[in-house]
């Protein structure tokens, strides 16, 4: 599993500490910040937003 995949997984689970750790790991591994943002953080938030719009997640879960 790549650092980006692990980051996305942690965000989708709502694992804040895991997401922070995976973000730092991706930076330490030399990934470009834009790639981490675009492929990891923003892509994950799109998935979370989609789950919210379908009623799978609720505001407290989404904000986490």
Protein backbone atom coordinates (compact mmCIF):
# COMPACT_ATOMS: atom_id res chain seq x y z
CA UNK A 1 0.00 0.00 0.00
CA UNK A 2 1.38 3.40 -0.94
CA UNK A 3 1.56 6.32 1.48
CA UNK A 4 -1.22 8.03 -0.51
CA UNK A 5 -3.47 4.96 -0.27
CA UNK A 6 -2.82 4.68 3.47
CA UNK A 7 -3.56 8.39 3.88
CA UNK A 8 -6.85 8.08 2.01
CA UNK A 9 -7.80 5.05 4.08
CA UNK A 10 -7.10 6.87 7.35
CA UNK A 11 -9.10 9.91 6.26
CA UNK A 12 -12.06 7.75 5.23
CA UNK A 13 -11.93 6.00 8.62
CA UNK A 14 -11.76 9.33 10.44
CA UNK A 15 -8.37 8.40 11.93
CA UNK A 16 -6.90 11.86 12.54
CA UNK A 17 -3.61 10.70 14.07
CA UNK A 18 -3.15 8.13 11.32
CA UNK A 19 -3.82 10.74 8.62
CA UNK A 20 -1.30 13.12 10.16
CA UNK A 21 1.28 10.32 10.39
CA UNK A 22 0.67 9.21 6.80
CA UNK A 23 0.92 12.80 5.56
CA UNK A 24 4.26 13.18 7.31
CA UNK A 25 5.41 9.82 5.93
CA UNK A 26 4.53 10.93 2.41
CA UNK A 27 6.50 14.15 2.91
CA UNK A 28 9.44 12.22 4.39
CA UNK A 29 9.32 9.82 1.42
CA UNK A 30 9.85 12.81 -0.87
CA UNK A 31 6.43 12.96 -2.48
CA UNK A 32 5.53 16.34 -3.92
CA UNK A 33 3.21 18.37 -1.70
CA UNK A 34 0.85 18.96 -4.64
CA UNK A 35 0.55 15.18 -5.17
CA UNK A 36 -0.17 14.63 -1.46
CA UNK A 37 -2.84 17.33 -1.54
CA UNK A 38 -4.43 16.37 -4.86
CA UNK A 39 -4.22 12.57 -4.75
CA UNK A 40 -4.48 12.10 -0.99
CA UNK A 41 -6.20 14.84 0.95
CA UNK A 42 -8.51 16.43 -1.62
CA UNK A 43 -9.45 13.11 -3.24
CA UNK A 44 -10.35 11.70 0.18
CA UNK A 45 -12.44 14.71 1.09
CA UNK A 46 -14.33 14.29 -2.19
CA UNK A 47 -15.15 10.71 -1.14
CA UNK A 48 -16.20 11.85 2.35
CA UNK A 49 -18.39 14.59 0.82
CA UNK A 50 -20.03 12.06 -1.48
CA UNK A 51 -20.80 9.76 1.47
CA UNK A 52 -22.26 12.75 3.34
CA UNK A 53 -24.50 13.68 0.41
CA UNK A 54 -25.77 10.08 0.25
CA UNK A 55 -26.55 10.08 3.99
CA UNK A 56 -23.88 7.50 4.81
CA UNK A 57 -21.93 9.97 6.96
CA UNK A 58 -23.29 12.73 9.15
CA UNK A 59 -21.86 16.14 10.05
CA UNK A 60 -19.82 15.04 13.11
CA UNK A 61 -18.24 12.20 11.14
CA UNK A 62 -17.61 14.40 8.13
CA UNK A 63 -15.97 17.15 10.15
CA UNK A 64 -13.72 14.68 11.90
